[in-house]
Amino acid sequence: MEVLTDSVLRLNFTGGANSSFMNEHRFSKSLTINQLKNKLEMIMGVSISGMKLQVFSAEDQPLFYITDDEGGDRLLGSYQIDDGMRVNVTGPNLMTSLGNLAEVEKYEMKDDIYNKKRDSVRSFFKEELQRKI
């Protein structure tokens, strides 16, 4: 007996920087867990170093964690995952690992100087408003 399946999985991803959204992505079953995590780092905004992947059934029941026990070389297709399942991605957010962005010094320009600039958004809207009058 031979079982043939599609070589691509359609999975729903939650968590990460946009924890309130669910994103559907397609990944090859031949990806290693390290390759999957590399792709998810950019998509989900979670650092690979502490990334955890928890798999839920299509009925949203927690099933198992995808681990990189074998150095991350295990293939995604070797797990019992089917289309439509959800993977919750947790771990350190890339933006918070950069530090507190509120403490970053920002450039500020006085209003009277900005009002004199001709290549600003404010001057564009002023011109548009004057054309309509």
N, C-alpha and C. Protein backbone atom coordinates (compact mmCIF):
# COMPACT_ATOMS: atom_id res chain seq x y z
N MET A 1 0.84 -1.17 0.00
CA MET A 1 0.00 0.00 0.00
C MET A 1 0.89 1.24 0.00
N GLU A 2 0.53 2.22 -0.81
CA GLU A 2 1.30 3.44 -0.92
C GLU A 2 0.40 4.64 -0.65
N VAL A 3 0.90 5.56 0.17
CA VAL A 3 0.14 6.76 0.49
C VAL A 3 0.82 7.95 -0.17
N LEU A 4 0.08 8.64 -1.01
CA LEU A 4 0.62 9.82 -1.69
C LEU A 4 -0.08 11.06 -1.15
N THR A 5 0.71 12.05 -0.81
CA THR A 5 0.14 13.30 -0.31
C THR A 5 0.75 14.45 -1.09
N ASP A 6 0.11 15.59 -0.99
CA ASP A 6 0.61 16.80 -1.62
C ASP A 6 1.95 17.17 -0.99
N SER A 7 2.85 17.73 -1.76
CA SER A 7 4.17 18.08 -1.24
C SER A 7 4.19 19.43 -0.53
N VAL A 8 3.04 20.12 -0.53
CA VAL A 8 2.95 21.44 0.08
C VAL A 8 1.86 21.43 1.15
N LEU A 9 2.15 22.08 2.28
CA LEU A 9 1.16 22.21 3.36
C LEU A 9 0.61 23.63 3.38
N ARG A 10 -0.69 23.76 3.55
CA ARG A 10 -1.35 25.06 3.78
C ARG A 10 -1.64 25.15 5.27
N LEU A 11 -0.90 26.01 5.96
CA LEU A 11 -1.05 26.13 7.41
C LEU A 11 -1.46 27.54 7.78
N ASN A 12 -2.19 27.65 8.87
CA ASN A 12 -2.58 28.95 9.42
C ASN A 12 -1.65 29.28 10.57
N PHE A 13 -1.08 30.49 10.55
CA PHE A 13 -0.13 30.89 11.57
C PHE A 13 -0.71 32.03 12.40
N THR A 14 -0.53 31.92 13.72
CA THR A 14 -0.94 32.97 14.65
C THR A 14 0.24 33.28 15.55
N GLY A 15 0.10 34.34 16.33
CA GLY A 15 1.15 34.71 17.27
C GLY A 15 2.08 35.73 16.68
N GLY A 16 3.26 35.83 17.23
CA GLY A 16 4.25 36.76 16.73
C GLY A 16 3.89 38.20 17.00
N ALA A 17 4.42 39.10 16.18
CA ALA A 17 4.21 40.53 16.36
C ALA A 17 2.75 40.92 16.14
N ASN A 18 2.04 40.18 15.26
CA ASN A 18 0.63 40.46 14.98
C ASN A 18 -0.21 39.34 15.55
N SER A 19 -0.26 39.23 16.85
CA SER A 19 -0.90 38.09 17.49
C SER A 19 -2.40 38.02 17.26
N SER A 20 -3.03 39.10 16.82
CA SER A 20 -4.48 39.07 16.64
C SER A 20 -4.88 38.62 15.23
N PHE A 21 -3.91 38.35 14.37
CA PHE A 21 -4.22 37.96 13.00
C PHE A 21 -3.83 36.51 12.75
N MET A 22 -4.56 35.88 11.82
CA MET A 22 -4.20 34.55 11.38
C MET A 22 -3.81 34.65 9.91
N ASN A 23 -2.63 34.13 9.58
CA ASN A 23 -2.12 34.18 8.21
C ASN A 23 -2.01 32.77 7.66
N GLU A 24 -2.49 32.57 6.44
CA GLU A 24 -2.31 31.27 5.80
C GLU A 24 -1.07 31.34 4.92
N HIS A 25 -0.21 30.34 5.08
CA HIS A 25 1.01 30.26 4.26
C HIS A 25 1.17 28.83 3.78
N ARG A 26 1.83 28.71 2.65
CA ARG A 26 2.11 27.40 2.07
C ARG A 26 3.60 27.12 2.18
N PHE A 27 3.92 25.96 2.71
CA PHE A 27 5.31 25.56 2.85
C PHE A 27 5.49 24.13 2.37
N SER A 28 6.64 23.89 1.76
CA SER A 28 6.98 22.56 1.29
C SER A 28 7.23 21.64 2.47
N LYS A 29 6.79 20.40 2.35
CA LYS A 29 7.03 19.42 3.40
C LYS A 29 8.50 19.05 3.49
N SER A 30 9.27 19.40 2.46
CA SER A 30 10.70 19.06 2.45
C SER A 30 11.55 20.11 3.17
N LEU A 31 10.93 21.18 3.71
CA LEU A 31 11.68 22.17 4.49
C LEU A 31 12.12 21.56 5.81
N THR A 32 13.34 21.90 6.22
CA THR A 32 13.76 21.51 7.57
C THR A 32 13.12 22.49 8.54
N ILE A 33 13.11 22.11 9.80
CA ILE A 33 12.53 23.00 10.82
C ILE A 33 13.33 24.30 10.89
N ASN A 34 14.64 24.23 10.74
CA ASN A 34 15.46 25.46 10.73
C ASN A 34 15.06 26.37 9.56
N GLN A 35 14.86 25.80 8.38
CA GLN A 35 14.46 26.59 7.22
C GLN A 35 13.08 27.22 7.44
N LEU A 36 12.17 26.46 8.03
CA LEU A 36 10.84 26.98 8.35
C LEU A 36 10.95 28.15 9.32
N LYS A 37 11.75 27.99 10.37
CA LYS A 37 11.90 29.07 11.35
C LYS A 37 12.53 30.31 10.72
N ASN A 38 13.47 30.12 9.81
CA ASN A 38 14.07 31.26 9.11
C ASN A 38 13.01 32.04 8.35
N LYS A 39 12.12 31.34 7.67
CA LYS A 39 11.05 32.01 6.93
C LYS A 39 10.06 32.69 7.88
N LEU A 40 9.72 32.01 8.96
CA LEU A 40 8.75 32.56 9.92
C LEU A 40 9.30 33.77 10.67
N GLU A 41 10.61 33.85 10.83
CA GLU A 41 11.18 35.01 11.51
C GLU A 41 10.79 36.30 10.80
N MET A 42 10.85 36.30 9.47
CA MET A 42 10.51 37.49 8.70
C MET A 42 9.00 37.70 8.63
N ILE A 43 8.25 36.63 8.56
CA ILE A 43 6.79 36.73 8.43
C ILE A 43 6.14 37.13 9.76
N MET A 44 6.58 36.51 10.84
CA MET A 44 5.91 36.66 12.13
C MET A 44 6.59 37.67 13.06
N GLY A 45 7.83 38.06 12.77
CA GLY A 45 8.52 39.02 13.61
C GLY A 45 9.00 38.45 14.93
N VAL A 46 9.28 37.15 14.94
CA VAL A 46 9.74 36.48 16.16
C VAL A 46 11.16 35.96 15.91
N SER A 47 12.05 36.19 16.86
CA SER A 47 13.44 35.77 16.74
C SER A 47 13.54 34.25 16.74
N ILE A 48 14.39 33.73 15.88
CA ILE A 48 14.58 32.27 15.76
C ILE A 48 15.09 31.68 17.07
N SER A 49 15.94 32.43 17.78
CA SER A 49 16.63 31.89 18.95
C SER A 49 15.68 31.34 20.02
N GLY A 50 14.53 31.96 20.21
CA GLY A 50 13.60 31.47 21.23
C GLY A 50 12.25 31.07 20.66
N MET A 51 12.18 30.86 19.34
CA MET A 51 10.90 30.58 18.69
C MET A 51 10.35 29.21 19.09
N LYS A 52 9.07 29.18 19.44
CA LYS A 52 8.37 27.94 19.74
C LYS A 52 7.19 27.82 18.80
N LEU A 53 6.96 26.63 18.28
CA LEU A 53 5.88 26.37 17.33
C LEU A 53 4.95 25.32 17.90
N GLN A 54 3.72 25.72 18.21
CA GLN A 54 2.73 24.78 18.74
C GLN A 54 1.68 24.53 17.68
N VAL A 55 1.41 23.26 17.40
CA VAL A 55 0.45 22.86 16.37
C VAL A 55 -0.90 22.58 16.99
N PHE A 56 -1.95 23.12 16.33
CA PHE A 56 -3.33 22.91 16.75
C PHE A 56 -4.07 22.22 15.60
N SER A 57 -5.05 21.41 15.94
CA SER A 57 -5.86 20.73 14.93
C SER A 57 -6.74 21.74 14.20
N ALA A 58 -7.39 21.29 13.15
CA ALA A 58 -8.31 22.15 12.41
C ALA A 58 -9.48 22.57 13.31
N GLU A 59 -9.76 21.78 14.36
CA GLU A 59 -10.81 22.10 15.33
C GLU A 59 -10.24 22.95 16.47
N ASP A 60 -9.01 23.40 16.34
CA ASP A 60 -8.32 24.28 17.29
C ASP A 60 -8.00 23.60 18.62
N GLN A 61 -7.72 22.31 18.60
CA GLN A 61 -7.28 21.59 19.79
C GLN A 61 -5.76 21.50 19.78
N PRO A 62 -5.08 21.83 20.90
CA PRO A 62 -3.61 21.74 20.92
C PRO A 62 -3.16 20.29 20.73
N LEU A 63 -2.18 20.09 19.85
CA LEU A 63 -1.70 18.74 19.55
C LEU A 63 -0.28 18.49 20.05
N PHE A 64 0.68 19.29 19.58
CA PHE A 64 2.08 19.07 19.94
C PHE A 64 2.91 20.30 19.57
N TYR A 65 4.16 20.29 20.03
CA TYR A 65 5.12 21.33 19.66
C TYR A 65 6.05 20.78 18.59
N ILE A 66 6.37 21.60 17.62
CA ILE A 66 7.40 21.25 16.64
C ILE A 66 8.73 21.61 17.29
N THR A 67 9.59 20.63 17.45
CA THR A 67 10.86 20.87 18.12
C THR A 67 12.01 20.70 17.12
N ASP A 68 13.14 21.26 17.49
CA ASP A 68 14.33 21.06 16.67
C ASP A 68 15.34 20.22 17.44
N ASP A 69 14.83 19.12 18.02
CA ASP A 69 15.66 18.20 18.82
C ASP A 69 16.83 17.65 18.01
N GLU A 70 16.63 17.47 16.73
CA GLU A 70 17.67 16.88 15.87
C GLU A 70 18.49 17.98 15.20
N GLY A 71 18.68 19.10 15.88
CA GLY A 71 19.45 20.19 15.32
C GLY A 71 18.70 20.98 14.27
N GLY A 72 17.41 20.81 14.21
CA GLY A 72 16.61 21.54 13.24
C GLY A 72 16.62 20.94 11.86
N ASP A 73 17.19 19.74 11.72
CA ASP A 73 17.29 19.11 10.40
C ASP A 73 16.11 18.19 10.08
N ARG A 74 15.22 18.01 11.02
CA ARG A 74 14.03 17.18 10.77
C ARG A 74 13.14 17.91 9.78
N LEU A 75 12.52 17.17 8.88
CA LEU A 75 11.67 17.76 7.84
C LEU A 75 10.28 18.07 8.38
N LEU A 76 9.71 19.16 7.89
CA LEU A 76 8.35 19.54 8.26
C LEU A 76 7.38 18.41 7.95
N GLY A 77 7.56 17.74 6.83
CA GLY A 77 6.67 16.65 6.42
C GLY A 77 6.75 15.41 7.30
N SER A 78 7.76 15.34 8.18
CA SER A 78 7.87 14.16 9.06
C SER A 78 6.94 14.27 10.27
N TYR A 79 6.36 15.44 10.48
CA TYR A 79 5.38 15.62 11.55
C TYR A 79 3.99 15.29 11.01
N GLN A 80 3.09 14.92 11.90
CA GLN A 80 1.71 14.61 11.49
C GLN A 80 0.92 15.91 11.41
N ILE A 81 1.14 16.65 10.32
CA ILE A 81 0.49 17.93 10.09
C ILE A 81 -0.27 17.85 8.78
N ASP A 82 -1.49 18.38 8.79
CA ASP A 82 -2.32 18.39 7.58
C ASP A 82 -2.72 19.82 7.23
N ASP A 83 -3.19 20.00 6.01
CA ASP A 83 -3.68 21.31 5.57
C ASP A 83 -4.74 21.82 6.54
N GLY A 84 -4.74 23.12 6.77
CA GLY A 84 -5.77 23.74 7.60
C GLY A 84 -5.46 23.77 9.07
N MET A 85 -4.40 23.10 9.49
CA MET A 85 -4.04 23.16 10.90
C MET A 85 -3.43 24.53 11.21
N ARG A 86 -3.43 24.87 12.50
CA ARG A 86 -2.90 26.16 12.93
C ARG A 86 -1.60 25.95 13.69
N VAL A 87 -0.63 26.83 13.43
CA VAL A 87 0.63 26.82 14.16
C VAL A 87 0.75 28.17 14.87
N ASN A 88 0.85 28.11 16.20
CA ASN A 88 1.01 29.33 16.98
C ASN A 88 2.51 29.55 17.21
N VAL A 89 2.98 30.73 16.80
CA VAL A 89 4.40 31.07 16.90
C VAL A 89 4.59 32.00 18.09
N THR A 90 5.43 31.58 19.03
CA THR A 90 5.74 32.43 20.19
C THR A 90 7.25 32.56 20.33
N GLY A 91 7.65 33.58 21.06
CA GLY A 91 9.07 33.81 21.30
C GLY A 91 9.36 35.28 21.36
N PRO A 92 10.64 35.63 21.46
CA PRO A 92 11.00 37.05 21.58
C PRO A 92 10.68 37.82 20.30
N ASN A 93 9.94 38.91 20.47
CA ASN A 93 9.58 39.78 19.35
C ASN A 93 10.82 40.52 18.87
N LEU A 94 11.04 40.55 17.57
CA LEU A 94 12.23 41.21 17.02
C LEU A 94 12.27 42.69 17.36
N MET A 95 11.11 43.36 17.38
CA MET A 95 11.08 44.79 17.67
C MET A 95 11.45 45.08 19.12
N THR A 96 10.98 44.27 20.06
CA THR A 96 11.31 44.53 21.46
C THR A 96 12.74 44.13 21.75
N SER A 97 13.31 43.22 20.98
CA SER A 97 14.70 42.84 21.22
C SER A 97 15.65 43.94 20.76
N LEU A 98 15.14 44.91 20.00
CA LEU A 98 15.97 46.05 19.60
C LEU A 98 16.08 47.08 20.71
N GLY A 99 15.27 46.96 21.73
CA GLY A 99 15.29 47.91 22.82
C GLY A 99 14.02 48.74 22.81
N ASN A 100 13.96 49.68 23.72
CA ASN A 100 12.79 50.55 23.83
C ASN A 100 12.88 51.65 22.78
N LEU A 101 12.04 51.59 21.77
CA LEU A 101 12.08 52.57 20.69
C LEU A 101 11.63 53.95 21.13
N ALA A 102 10.93 54.05 22.25
CA ALA A 102 10.51 55.36 22.76
C ALA A 102 11.71 56.17 23.24
N GLU A 103 12.79 55.49 23.55
CA GLU A 103 13.99 56.18 24.03
C GLU A 103 14.90 56.64 22.90
N VAL A 104 14.58 56.31 21.66
CA VAL A 104 15.41 56.70 20.52
C VAL A 104 15.23 58.19 20.27
N GLU A 105 16.35 58.91 20.13
CA GLU A 105 16.28 60.34 19.87
C GLU A 105 15.73 60.58 18.46
N LYS A 106 14.78 61.47 18.38
CA LYS A 106 14.14 61.76 17.09
C LYS A 106 14.44 63.18 16.66
N TYR A 107 14.47 63.38 15.36
CA TYR A 107 14.69 64.71 14.82
C TYR A 107 13.38 65.48 14.86
N GLU A 108 13.42 66.68 15.42
CA GLU A 108 12.23 67.52 15.47
C GLU A 108 12.54 68.86 14.83
N MET A 109 11.55 69.38 14.09
CA MET A 109 11.70 70.66 13.40
C MET A 109 10.60 71.59 13.89
N LYS A 110 10.95 72.84 14.12
CA LYS A 110 9.97 73.81 14.56
C LYS A 110 8.96 74.05 13.45
N ASP A 111 7.70 74.34 13.84
CA ASP A 111 6.62 74.53 12.87
C ASP A 111 6.91 75.64 11.87
N ASP A 112 7.47 76.75 12.31
CA ASP A 112 7.71 77.86 11.38
C ASP A 112 8.72 77.48 10.30
N ILE A 113 9.72 76.68 10.63
CA ILE A 113 10.69 76.21 9.63
C ILE A 113 10.02 75.21 8.69
N TYR A 114 9.23 74.30 9.25
CA TYR A 114 8.55 73.29 8.43
C TYR A 114 7.55 73.95 7.48
N ASN A 115 6.86 74.98 7.95
CA ASN A 115 5.89 75.69 7.10
C ASN A 115 6.55 76.35 5.90
N LYS A 116 7.82 76.71 6.00
CA LYS A 116 8.54 77.34 4.89
C LYS A 116 9.00 76.33 3.83
N LYS A 117 9.08 75.08 4.18
CA LYS A 117 9.54 74.06 3.23
C LYS A 117 8.50 73.87 2.13
N ARG A 118 8.98 73.76 0.89
CA ARG A 118 8.09 73.59 -0.25
C ARG A 118 7.93 72.12 -0.64
N ASP A 119 8.76 71.26 -0.12
CA ASP A 119 8.69 69.85 -0.49
C ASP A 119 8.20 68.97 0.67
N SER A 120 7.24 69.49 1.41
CA SER A 120 6.72 68.75 2.56
C SER A 120 5.27 68.30 2.28
N VAL A 121 4.82 67.40 3.09
CA VAL A 121 3.43 66.94 2.99
C VAL A 121 2.48 68.09 3.30
N ARG A 122 2.84 68.88 4.29
CA ARG A 122 2.00 70.01 4.67
C ARG A 122 1.84 70.99 3.50
N SER A 123 2.94 71.32 2.82
CA SER A 123 2.86 72.27 1.69
C SER A 123 2.05 71.67 0.54
N PHE A 124 2.17 70.36 0.33
CA PHE A 124 1.39 69.69 -0.71
C PHE A 124 -0.11 69.86 -0.45
N PHE A 125 -0.53 69.60 0.78
CA PHE A 125 -1.95 69.72 1.11
C PHE A 125 -2.43 71.17 1.06
N LYS A 126 -1.58 72.08 1.46
CA LYS A 126 -1.94 73.50 1.35
C LYS A 126 -2.21 73.87 -0.10
N GLU A 127 -1.32 73.45 -1.00
CA GLU A 127 -1.50 73.75 -2.43
C GLU A 127 -2.77 73.10 -2.98
N GLU A 128 -3.03 71.89 -2.59
CA GLU A 128 -4.23 71.18 -3.04
C GLU A 128 -5.49 71.90 -2.56
N LEU A 129 -5.47 72.33 -1.32
CA LEU A 129 -6.60 73.02 -0.76
C LEU A 129 -6.83 74.36 -1.47
N GLN A 130 -5.77 75.07 -1.80
CA GLN A 130 -5.90 76.35 -2.48
C GLN A 130 -6.41 76.17 -3.92
N ARG A 131 -6.04 75.06 -4.56
CA ARG A 131 -6.55 74.80 -5.92
C ARG A 131 -8.02 74.54 -5.93
N LYS A 132 -8.53 73.95 -4.89
CA LYS A 132 -9.95 73.61 -4.83
C LYS A 132 -10.81 74.79 -4.45
N ILE A 133 -10.20 75.82 -3.89
CA ILE A 133 -10.98 76.99 -3.46
C ILE A 133 -11.25 77.89 -4.61
